[in-house]
Protein backbone atom coordinates (compact mmCIF):
# COMPACT_ATOMS: atom_id res chain seq x y z
CA MET A 1 122.32 34.56 103.81
CA ALA A 2 125.40 32.84 105.59
CA PHE A 3 127.72 35.22 104.44
CA VAL A 4 124.52 38.16 102.93
CA TRP A 5 123.76 39.31 106.88
CA PRO A 6 127.14 40.20 108.10
CA LEU A 7 128.82 41.47 105.29
CA PHE A 8 126.24 44.32 105.18
CA LEU A 9 125.87 44.59 109.77
CA THR A 10 129.03 44.69 109.23
CA TRP A 11 129.50 47.93 107.01
CA MET A 12 126.48 49.04 108.73
CA GLY A 13 128.12 49.35 112.23
CA THR A 14 131.31 50.33 111.24
CA ALA A 15 129.69 53.24 109.03
CA CYS A 16 127.61 54.32 112.66
CA LEU A 17 131.53 54.32 114.23
CA LEU A 18 133.45 56.17 111.81
CA ASN A 19 130.31 58.37 110.76
CA LEU A 20 130.28 59.14 115.00
CA ARG A 21 134.68 60.17 114.64
CA ARG A 22 133.10 63.19 112.27
CA CYS A 23 129.32 64.05 113.64
CA GLY A 24 129.31 62.86 117.07
CA ARG A 25 126.11 61.89 116.19
CA ILE A 26 124.55 60.10 120.02
CA HIS A 27 122.53 57.51 117.91
CA CYS A 28 125.90 56.55 115.91
CA TYR A 29 127.42 55.41 120.12
CA THR A 30 124.69 52.70 119.68
CA SER A 31 123.34 51.66 116.19
CA GLY A 32 126.70 51.13 115.78
CA PRO A 33 127.83 48.54 117.95
CA PHE A 34 124.56 47.43 118.22
CA PHE A 35 125.22 46.87 114.62
CA LEU A 36 128.26 44.85 114.82
CA ILE A 37 127.07 42.06 117.69
CA MET A 38 124.25 41.72 115.33
CA ALA A 39 126.71 40.91 112.72
CA ILE A 40 128.44 38.17 114.51
CA ILE A 41 125.09 36.72 116.30
CA SER A 42 123.96 37.23 112.44
CA ALA A 43 127.12 35.36 111.63
CA LEU A 44 127.19 32.66 114.13
CA HIS A 45 124.13 31.20 113.04
CA GLY A 46 124.78 31.13 109.30
CA PHE A 47 128.19 28.66 109.81
CA GLU A 48 125.42 26.79 112.09
CA LEU A 49 127.72 27.20 115.10
CA VAL A 50 124.98 28.58 116.87
CA ASP A 51 120.96 27.32 116.35
CA LEU A 52 118.17 30.22 116.69
CA GLY A 53 115.22 27.03 115.10
CA PRO A 54 113.71 27.16 111.89
CA SER A 55 113.12 31.27 112.25
CA GLY A 56 116.27 32.52 113.50
CA TRP A 57 116.89 34.68 110.13
CA SER A 58 113.41 35.75 111.65
CA TRP A 59 114.40 36.68 114.59
CA ILE A 60 117.60 38.27 113.10
CA SER A 61 116.02 40.32 111.10
CA THR A 62 113.08 41.87 113.07
CA ILE A 63 115.34 42.54 115.69
CA THR A 64 117.88 44.89 113.25
CA ILE A 65 114.90 46.01 112.53
CA VAL A 66 113.22 47.12 115.82
CA GLY A 67 116.45 47.36 117.35
CA GLY A 68 117.83 49.62 114.54
CA ILE A 69 114.63 51.60 114.24
CA ALA A 70 115.14 52.18 118.07
CA LEU A 71 118.81 52.68 118.53
CA THR A 72 118.18 55.27 116.62
CA TRP A 73 115.24 57.43 117.54
CA VAL A 74 115.17 57.03 121.75
CA PRO A 75 118.28 58.32 122.50
CA GLU A 76 117.95 61.47 120.49
CA LEU A 77 114.93 62.03 121.97
CA ALA A 78 116.45 61.75 125.12
CA LEU A 79 119.83 63.41 124.77
CA GLY A 80 119.22 65.44 121.72
CA ARG A 81 121.12 65.00 118.28
CA TYR A 82 124.88 65.51 119.50
CA ARG A 83 126.79 65.33 122.19
CA SER A 84 128.78 68.48 123.92
CA THR A 85 132.13 69.22 123.65
């Protein structure tokens, strides 16, 4: 777990930020950095530098899923799908 979560969250965050440069979707501004922050938190927990308790991985997965969905839909509902140029 210490390698898997940070690896995939980094991949997701990087993909969002690279996609932002290409298409300019609003949710990429929020979800990309969010996934990178969650990658850092999961690495810190996985390597036992931060103790999130016995339910740490459950907290990380729940926050990642709920936050990812919220940061994908809410900004686009409020601001539209694409950044105006």
